[in-house]
Amino acid sequence: MIHALDFMLLLLLVIIALIAISLKDILGAVIVLGAYSLIMALAWLEMNAPDVAFTEAAVGAGVTSFLFISALSKTKRWEK
C-alpha cells in the first residue's frame, strides 16, 4: 500500500517532469530539473536509501545543474 507522502512525491515528480519538458527556455528547464532531482532525493530518503538520496542530491541537483548552467553561459541565447 502506498503511503500519502510517497504518493505526493510521485505526483510532484510527474508535475515537475511535465513542466520541464514543456518549457521553451533552456535555463528554466535546467532549474526545474534541479528541483526534480531534489524531490527525487526526498523520495529516495523516504524509501530508506540515504546513500542514494545523498548521491542524487549531490550529483543530480548540485554538479549536473552547475555544469548545465556553465555550459549555457558559454552559448548564445535567443528566443522566438
PDB file of N, CA and C in Angstrom:
ATOM      1  N   MET A   1       0.836  -1.178   0.000  1.00  0.00           N
ATOM      2  CA  MET A   1       0.000   0.000   0.000  1.00  0.00           C
ATOM      3  C   MET A   1       0.884   1.245   0.000  1.00  0.00           C
ATOM      4  N   ILE A   2       0.536   2.194  -0.835  1.00  0.00           N
ATOM      5  CA  ILE A   2       1.343   3.401  -0.979  1.00  0.00           C
ATOM      6  C   ILE A   2       0.956   4.412   0.101  1.00  0.00           C
ATOM      7  N   HIS A   3       1.952   5.003   0.701  1.00  0.00           N
ATOM      8  CA  HIS A   3       1.711   5.999   1.736  1.00  0.00           C
ATOM      9  C   HIS A   3       1.385   7.341   1.101  1.00  0.00           C
ATOM     10  N   ALA A   4       0.791   8.230   1.897  1.00  0.00           N
ATOM     11  CA  ALA A   4       0.378   9.531   1.369  1.00  0.00           C
ATOM     12  C   ALA A   4       1.584  10.363   0.937  1.00  0.00           C
ATOM     13  N   LEU A   5       2.675  10.317   1.700  1.00  0.00           N
ATOM     14  CA  LEU A   5       3.859  11.088   1.337  1.00  0.00           C
ATOM     15  C   LEU A   5       4.496  10.557   0.059  1.00  0.00           C
ATOM     16  N   ASP A   6       4.541   9.242  -0.094  1.00  0.00           N
ATOM     17  CA  ASP A   6       5.080   8.653  -1.324  1.00  0.00           C
ATOM     18  C   ASP A   6       4.254   9.056  -2.534  1.00  0.00           C
ATOM     19  N   PHE A   7       2.949   9.030  -2.384  1.00  0.00           N
ATOM     20  CA  PHE A   7       2.067   9.416  -3.486  1.00  0.00           C
ATOM     21  C   PHE A   7       2.231  10.889  -3.820  1.00  0.00           C
ATOM     22  N   MET A   8       2.368  11.726  -2.797  1.00  0.00           N
ATOM     23  CA  MET A   8       2.538  13.154  -3.029  1.00  0.00           C
ATOM     24  C   MET A   8       3.868  13.432  -3.740  1.00  0.00           C
ATOM     25  N   LEU A   9       4.937  12.749  -3.338  1.00  0.00           N
ATOM     26  CA  LEU A   9       6.224  12.928  -4.002  1.00  0.00           C
ATOM     27  C   LEU A   9       6.171  12.452  -5.451  1.00  0.00           C
ATOM     28  N   LEU A  10       5.512  11.328  -5.691  1.00  0.00           N
ATOM     29  CA  LEU A  10       5.376  10.819  -7.052  1.00  0.00           C
ATOM     30  C   LEU A  10       4.581  11.776  -7.925  1.00  0.00           C
ATOM     31  N   LEU A  11       3.498  12.314  -7.397  1.00  0.00           N
ATOM     32  CA  LEU A  11       2.686  13.267  -8.145  1.00  0.00           C
ATOM     33  C   LEU A  11       3.474  14.536  -8.437  1.00  0.00           C
ATOM     34  N   LEU A  12       4.242  15.004  -7.456  1.00  0.00           N
ATOM     35  CA  LEU A  12       5.070  16.186  -7.655  1.00  0.00           C
ATOM     36  C   LEU A  12       6.158  15.937  -8.691  1.00  0.00           C
ATOM     37  N   LEU A  13       6.737  14.741  -8.697  1.00  0.00           N
ATOM     38  CA  LEU A  13       7.742  14.399  -9.703  1.00  0.00           C
ATOM     39  C   LEU A  13       7.162  14.406 -11.118  1.00  0.00           C
ATOM     40  N   VAL A  14       5.970  13.880 -11.270  1.00  0.00           N
ATOM     41  CA  VAL A  14       5.329  13.862 -12.592  1.00  0.00           C
ATOM     42  C   VAL A  14       5.022  15.281 -13.054  1.00  0.00           C
ATOM     43  N   ILE A  15       4.531  16.120 -12.146  1.00  0.00           N
ATOM     44  CA  ILE A  15       4.198  17.504 -12.500  1.00  0.00           C
ATOM     45  C   ILE A  15       5.459  18.263 -12.892  1.00  0.00           C
ATOM     46  N   ILE A  16       6.531  18.111 -12.112  1.00  0.00           N
ATOM     47  CA  ILE A  16       7.781  18.814 -12.418  1.00  0.00           C
ATOM     48  C   ILE A  16       8.367  18.324 -13.740  1.00  0.00           C
ATOM     49  N   ALA A  17       8.277  17.024 -14.012  1.00  0.00           N
ATOM     50  CA  ALA A  17       8.783  16.496 -15.281  1.00  0.00           C
ATOM     51  C   ALA A  17       7.998  17.065 -16.464  1.00  0.00           C
ATOM     52  N   LEU A  18       6.686  17.174 -16.329  1.00  0.00           N
ATOM     53  CA  LEU A  18       5.874  17.753 -17.408  1.00  0.00           C
ATOM     54  C   LEU A  18       6.192  19.222 -17.613  1.00  0.00           C
ATOM     55  N   ILE A  19       6.443  19.941 -16.526  1.00  0.00           N
ATOM     56  CA  ILE A  19       6.831  21.346 -16.650  1.00  0.00           C
ATOM     57  C   ILE A  19       8.178  21.467 -17.355  1.00  0.00           C
ATOM     58  N   ALA A  20       9.113  20.595 -16.998  1.00  0.00           N
ATOM     59  CA  ALA A  20      10.460  20.668 -17.582  1.00  0.00           C
ATOM     60  C   ALA A  20      10.436  20.415 -19.085  1.00  0.00           C
ATOM     61  N   ILE A  21       9.633  19.475 -19.537  1.00  0.00           N
ATOM     62  CA  ILE A  21       9.623  19.196 -20.980  1.00  0.00           C
ATOM     63  C   ILE A  21       8.773  20.186 -21.761  1.00  0.00           C
ATOM     64  N   SER A  22       7.931  20.977 -21.083  1.00  0.00           N
ATOM     65  CA  SER A  22       7.098  21.938 -21.794  1.00  0.00           C
ATOM     66  C   SER A  22       7.706  23.340 -21.838  1.00  0.00           C
ATOM     67  N   LEU A  23       8.775  23.578 -21.102  1.00  0.00           N
ATOM     68  CA  LEU A  23       9.397  24.898 -21.100  1.00  0.00           C
ATOM     69  C   LEU A  23      10.161  25.142 -22.394  1.00  0.00           C
ATOM     70  N   LYS A  24      10.082  26.363 -22.887  1.00  0.00           N
ATOM     71  CA  LYS A  24      10.820  26.745 -24.093  1.00  0.00           C
ATOM     72  C   LYS A  24      12.219  27.247 -23.731  1.00  0.00           C
ATOM     73  N   ASP A  25      12.371  27.847 -22.569  1.00  0.00           N
ATOM     74  CA  ASP A  25      13.649  28.395 -22.135  1.00  0.00           C
ATOM     75  C   ASP A  25      14.516  27.289 -21.540  1.00  0.00           C
ATOM     76  N   ILE A  26      15.717  27.128 -22.055  1.00  0.00           N
ATOM     77  CA  ILE A  26      16.588  26.042 -21.618  1.00  0.00           C
ATOM     78  C   ILE A  26      17.060  26.258 -20.189  1.00  0.00           C
ATOM     79  N   LEU A  27      17.358  27.501 -19.820  1.00  0.00           N
ATOM     80  CA  LEU A  27      17.803  27.776 -18.463  1.00  0.00           C
ATOM     81  C   LEU A  27      16.702  27.451 -17.457  1.00  0.00           C
ATOM     82  N   GLY A  28      15.479  27.779 -17.783  1.00  0.00           N
ATOM     83  CA  GLY A  28      14.354  27.433 -16.916  1.00  0.00           C
ATOM     84  C   GLY A  28      14.196  25.928 -16.774  1.00  0.00           C
ATOM     85  N   ALA A  29      14.399  25.209 -17.868  1.00  0.00           N
ATOM     86  CA  ALA A  29      14.294  23.750 -17.821  1.00  0.00           C
ATOM     87  C   ALA A  29      15.388  23.152 -16.950  1.00  0.00           C
ATOM     88  N   VAL A  30      16.593  23.711 -17.012  1.00  0.00           N
ATOM     89  CA  VAL A  30      17.686  23.218 -16.172  1.00  0.00           C
ATOM     90  C   VAL A  30      17.374  23.448 -14.695  1.00  0.00           C
ATOM     91  N   ILE A  31      16.824  24.602 -14.372  1.00  0.00           N
ATOM     92  CA  ILE A  31      16.472  24.901 -12.980  1.00  0.00           C
ATOM     93  C   ILE A  31      15.369  23.971 -12.497  1.00  0.00           C
ATOM     94  N   VAL A  32      14.377  23.719 -13.329  1.00  0.00           N
ATOM     95  CA  VAL A  32      13.294  22.812 -12.953  1.00  0.00           C
ATOM     96  C   VAL A  32      13.815  21.386 -12.794  1.00  0.00           C
ATOM     97  N   LEU A  33      14.760  20.978 -13.620  1.00  0.00           N
ATOM     98  CA  LEU A  33      15.339  19.642 -13.477  1.00  0.00           C
ATOM     99  C   LEU A  33      16.177  19.525 -12.202  1.00  0.00           C
ATOM    100  N   GLY A  34      16.765  20.620 -11.754  1.00  0.00           N
ATOM    101  CA  GLY A  34      17.441  20.621 -10.456  1.00  0.00           C
ATOM    102  C   GLY A  34      16.455  20.412  -9.328  1.00  0.00           C
ATOM    103  N   ALA A  35      15.287  21.044  -9.433  1.00  0.00           N
ATOM    104  CA  ALA A  35      14.230  20.829  -8.444  1.00  0.00           C
ATOM    105  C   ALA A  35      13.720  19.390  -8.503  1.00  0.00           C
ATOM    106  N   TYR A  36      13.631  18.837  -9.706  1.00  0.00           N
ATOM    107  CA  TYR A  36      13.233  17.433  -9.864  1.00  0.00           C
ATOM    108  C   TYR A  36      14.195  16.512  -9.124  1.00  0.00           C
ATOM    109  N   SER A  37      15.487  16.804  -9.250  1.00  0.00           N
ATOM    110  CA  SER A  37      16.489  15.978  -8.595  1.00  0.00           C
ATOM    111  C   SER A  37      16.382  16.070  -7.077  1.00  0.00           C
ATOM    112  N   LEU A  38      16.087  17.258  -6.562  1.00  0.00           N
ATOM    113  CA  LEU A  38      15.916  17.395  -5.112  1.00  0.00           C
ATOM    114  C   LEU A  38      14.694  16.630  -4.607  1.00  0.00           C
ATOM    115  N   ILE A  39      13.601  16.677  -5.350  1.00  0.00           N
ATOM    116  CA  ILE A  39      12.410  15.919  -4.964  1.00  0.00           C
ATOM    117  C   ILE A  39      12.686  14.417  -5.064  1.00  0.00           C
ATOM    118  N   MET A  40      13.463  14.018  -6.069  1.00  0.00           N
ATOM    119  CA  MET A  40      13.831  12.610  -6.204  1.00  0.00           C
ATOM    120  C   MET A  40      14.699  12.168  -5.035  1.00  0.00           C
ATOM    121  N   ALA A  41      15.570  13.059  -4.543  1.00  0.00           N
ATOM    122  CA  ALA A  41      16.381  12.739  -3.366  1.00  0.00           C
ATOM    123  C   ALA A  41      15.487  12.537  -2.143  1.00  0.00           C
ATOM    124  N   LEU A  42      14.452  13.344  -2.020  1.00  0.00           N
ATOM    125  CA  LEU A  42      13.500  13.153  -0.921  1.00  0.00           C
ATOM    126  C   LEU A  42      12.763  11.822  -1.055  1.00  0.00           C
ATOM    127  N   ALA A  43      12.443  11.447  -2.278  1.00  0.00           N
ATOM    128  CA  ALA A  43      11.773  10.168  -2.490  1.00  0.00           C
ATOM    129  C   ALA A  43      12.694   9.005  -2.106  1.00  0.00           C
ATOM    130  N   TRP A  44      13.979   9.097  -2.457  1.00  0.00           N
ATOM    131  CA  TRP A  44      14.925   8.050  -2.059  1.00  0.00           C
ATOM    132  C   TRP A  44      15.069   8.005  -0.544  1.00  0.00           C
ATOM    133  N   LEU A  45      15.070   9.164   0.089  1.00  0.00           N
ATOM    134  CA  LEU A  45      15.168   9.195   1.538  1.00  0.00           C
ATOM    135  C   LEU A  45      13.937   8.573   2.192  1.00  0.00           C
ATOM    136  N   GLU A  46      12.781   8.789   1.599  1.00  0.00           N
ATOM    137  CA  GLU A  46      11.545   8.190   2.106  1.00  0.00           C
ATOM    138  C   GLU A  46      11.564   6.667   1.962  1.00  0.00           C
ATOM    139  N   MET A  47      12.279   6.173   0.953  1.00  0.00           N
ATOM    140  CA  MET A  47      12.382   4.729   0.744  1.00  0.00           C
ATOM    141  C   MET A  47      13.521   4.102   1.541  1.00  0.00           C
ATOM    142  N   ASN A  48      14.053   4.851   2.517  1.00  0.00           N
ATOM    143  CA  ASN A  48      15.130   4.393   3.408  1.00  0.00           C
ATOM    144  C   ASN A  48      16.402   4.031   2.641  1.00  0.00           C
ATOM    145  N   ALA A  49      16.777   4.880   1.704  1.00  0.00           N
ATOM    146  CA  ALA A  49      18.027   4.728   0.973  1.00  0.00           C
ATOM    147  C   ALA A  49      18.808   6.043   1.068  1.00  0.00           C
ATOM    148  N   PRO A  50      19.363   6.334   2.250  1.00  0.00           N
ATOM    149  CA  PRO A  50      20.013   7.638   2.423  1.00  0.00           C
ATOM    150  C   PRO A  50      21.272   7.807   1.581  1.00  0.00           C
ATOM    151  N   ASP A  51      21.982   6.725   1.284  1.00  0.00           N
ATOM    152  CA  ASP A  51      23.177   6.850   0.456  1.00  0.00           C
ATOM    153  C   ASP A  51      22.820   7.232  -0.979  1.00  0.00           C
ATOM    154  N   VAL A  52      21.770   6.661  -1.499  1.00  0.00           N
ATOM    155  CA  VAL A  52      21.316   7.006  -2.847  1.00  0.00           C
ATOM    156  C   VAL A  52      20.745   8.423  -2.856  1.00  0.00           C
ATOM    157  N   ALA A  53      20.031   8.805  -1.793  1.00  0.00           N
ATOM    158  CA  ALA A  53      19.474  10.156  -1.697  1.00  0.00           C
ATOM    159  C   ALA A  53      20.580  11.201  -1.660  1.00  0.00           C
ATOM    160  N   PHE A  54      21.637  10.922  -0.899  1.00  0.00           N
ATOM    161  CA  PHE A  54      22.749  11.868  -0.828  1.00  0.00           C
ATOM    162  C   PHE A  54      23.451  11.996  -2.174  1.00  0.00           C
ATOM    163  N   THR A  55      23.638  10.891  -2.857  1.00  0.00           N
ATOM    164  CA  THR A  55      24.276  10.925  -4.168  1.00  0.00           C
ATOM    165  C   THR A  55      23.405  11.658  -5.180  1.00  0.00           C
ATOM    166  N   GLU A  56      22.111  11.431  -5.129  1.00  0.00           N
ATOM    167  CA  GLU A  56      21.182  12.112  -6.037  1.00  0.00           C
ATOM    168  C   GLU A  56      21.196  13.619  -5.795  1.00  0.00           C
ATOM    169  N   ALA A  57      21.221  14.019  -4.536  1.00  0.00           N
ATOM    170  CA  ALA A  57      21.228  15.445  -4.221  1.00  0.00           C
ATOM    171  C   ALA A  57      22.550  16.086  -4.638  1.00  0.00           C
ATOM    172  N   ALA A  58      23.648  15.407  -4.380  1.00  0.00           N
ATOM    173  CA  ALA A  58      24.955  15.988  -4.694  1.00  0.00           C
ATOM    174  C   ALA A  58      25.223  16.025  -6.188  1.00  0.00           C
ATOM    175  N   VAL A  59      24.995  14.912  -6.867  1.00  0.00           N
ATOM    176  CA  VAL A  59      25.311  14.837  -8.285  1.00  0.00           C
ATOM    177  C   VAL A  59      24.187  15.425  -9.131  1.00  0.00           C
ATOM    178  N   GLY A  60      22.964  15.000  -8.863  1.00  0.00           N
ATOM    179  CA  GLY A  60      21.839  15.432  -9.702  1.00  0.00           C
ATOM    180  C   GLY A  60      21.518  16.904  -9.583  1.00  0.00           C
ATOM    181  N   ALA A  61      21.363  17.386  -8.355  1.00  0.00           N
ATOM    182  CA  ALA A  61      20.986  18.785  -8.170  1.00  0.00           C
ATOM    183  C   ALA A  61      22.189  19.707  -8.161  1.00  0.00           C
ATOM    184  N   GLY A  62      23.300  19.237  -7.639  1.00  0.00           N
ATOM    185  CA  GLY A  62      24.463  20.104  -7.499  1.00  0.00           C
ATOM    186  C   GLY A  62      25.341  20.161  -8.722  1.00  0.00           C
ATOM    187  N   VAL A  63      26.036  19.083  -8.994  1.00  0.00           N
ATOM    188  CA  VAL A  63      27.053  19.076 -10.045  1.00  0.00           C
ATOM    189  C   VAL A  63      26.433  19.198 -11.437  1.00  0.00           C
ATOM    190  N   THR A  64      25.406  18.439 -11.699  1.00  0.00           N
ATOM    191  CA  THR A  64      24.799  18.456 -13.028  1.00  0.00           C
ATOM    192  C   THR A  64      24.192  19.822 -13.347  1.00  0.00           C
ATOM    193  N   SER A  65      23.485  20.404 -12.378  1.00  0.00           N
ATOM    194  CA  SER A  65      22.915  21.734 -12.613  1.00  0.00           C
ATOM    195  C   SER A  65      24.010  22.768 -12.843  1.00  0.00           C
ATOM    196  N   PHE A  66      25.078  22.686 -12.070  1.00  0.00           N
ATOM    197  CA  PHE A  66      26.201  23.617 -12.254  1.00  0.00           C
ATOM    198  C   PHE A  66      26.824  23.463 -13.639  1.00  0.00           C
ATOM    199  N   LEU A  67      27.028  22.229 -14.084  1.00  0.00           N
ATOM    200  CA  LEU A  67      27.620  22.005 -15.401  1.00  0.00           C
ATOM    201  C   LEU A  67      26.705  22.480 -16.530  1.00  0.00           C
ATOM    202  N   PHE A  68      25.414  22.229 -16.402  1.00  0.00           N
ATOM    203  CA  PHE A  68      24.477  22.691 -17.429  1.00  0.00           C
ATOM    204  C   PHE A  68      24.439  24.214 -17.491  1.00  0.00           C
ATOM    205  N   ILE A  69      24.391  24.857 -16.332  1.00  0.00           N
ATOM    206  CA  ILE A  69      24.321  26.320 -16.313  1.00  0.00           C
ATOM    207  C   ILE A  69      25.620  26.921 -16.829  1.00  0.00           C
ATOM    208  N   SER A  70      26.755  26.333 -16.479  1.00  0.00           N
ATOM    209  CA  SER A  70      28.022  26.856 -17.001  1.00  0.00           C
ATOM    210  C   SER A  70      28.133  26.637 -18.506  1.00  0.00           C
ATOM    211  N   ALA A  71      27.614  25.535 -19.023  1.00  0.00           N
ATOM    212  CA  ALA A  71      27.610  25.317 -20.471  1.00  0.00           C
ATOM    213  C   ALA A  71      26.678  26.302 -21.165  1.00  0.00           C
ATOM    214  N   LEU A  72      25.551  26.609 -20.552  1.00  0.00           N
ATOM    215  CA  LEU A  72      24.622  27.577 -21.143  1.00  0.00           C
ATOM    216  C   LEU A  72      25.198  28.988 -21.135  1.00  0.00           C
ATOM    217  N   SER A  73      26.034  29.288 -20.137  1.00  0.00           N
ATOM    218  CA  SER A  73      26.617  30.627 -20.100  1.00  0.00           C
ATOM    219  C   SER A  73      27.634  30.828 -21.218  1.00  0.00           C
ATOM    220  N   LYS A  74      28.149  29.760 -21.776  1.00  0.00           N
ATOM    221  CA  LYS A  74      29.118  29.851 -22.874  1.00  0.00           C
ATOM    222  C   LYS A  74      28.446  29.931 -24.245  1.00  0.00           C
ATOM    223  N   THR A  75      27.153  29.746 -24.299  1.00  0.00           N
ATOM    224  CA  THR A  75      26.443  29.765 -25.575  1.00  0.00           C
ATOM    225  C   THR A  75      25.597  31.020 -25.688  1.00  0.00           C
ATOM    226  N   LYS A  76      25.196  31.334 -26.915  1.00  0.00           N
ATOM    227  CA  LYS A  76      24.291  32.456 -27.148  1.00  0.00           C
ATOM    228  C   LYS A  76      22.865  31.988 -26.942  1.00  0.00           C
ATOM    229  N   ARG A  77      22.053  32.861 -26.375  1.00  0.00           N
ATOM    230  CA  ARG A  77      20.635  32.521 -26.166  1.00  0.00           C
ATOM    231  C   ARG A  77      19.762  33.403 -27.042  1.00  0.00           C
ATOM    232  N   TRP A  78      18.817  32.788 -27.689  1.00  0.00           N
ATOM    233  CA  TRP A  78      17.820  33.529 -28.428  1.00  0.00           C
ATOM    234  C   TRP A  78      16.499  32.824 -28.265  1.00  0.00           C
ATOM    235  N   GLU A  79      15.451  33.604 -28.287  1.00  0.00           N
ATOM    236  CA  GLU A  79      14.104  33.060 -28.110  1.00  0.00           C
ATOM    237  C   GLU A  79      13.202  33.674 -29.155  1.00  0.00           C
ATOM    238  N   LYS A  80      12.220  32.923 -29.580  1.00  0.00           N
ATOM    239  CA  LYS A  80      11.239  33.432 -30.550  1.00  0.00           C
ATOM    240  C   LYS A  80       9.916  33.642 -29.876  1.00  0.00           C
TER     241      LYS A  80
END
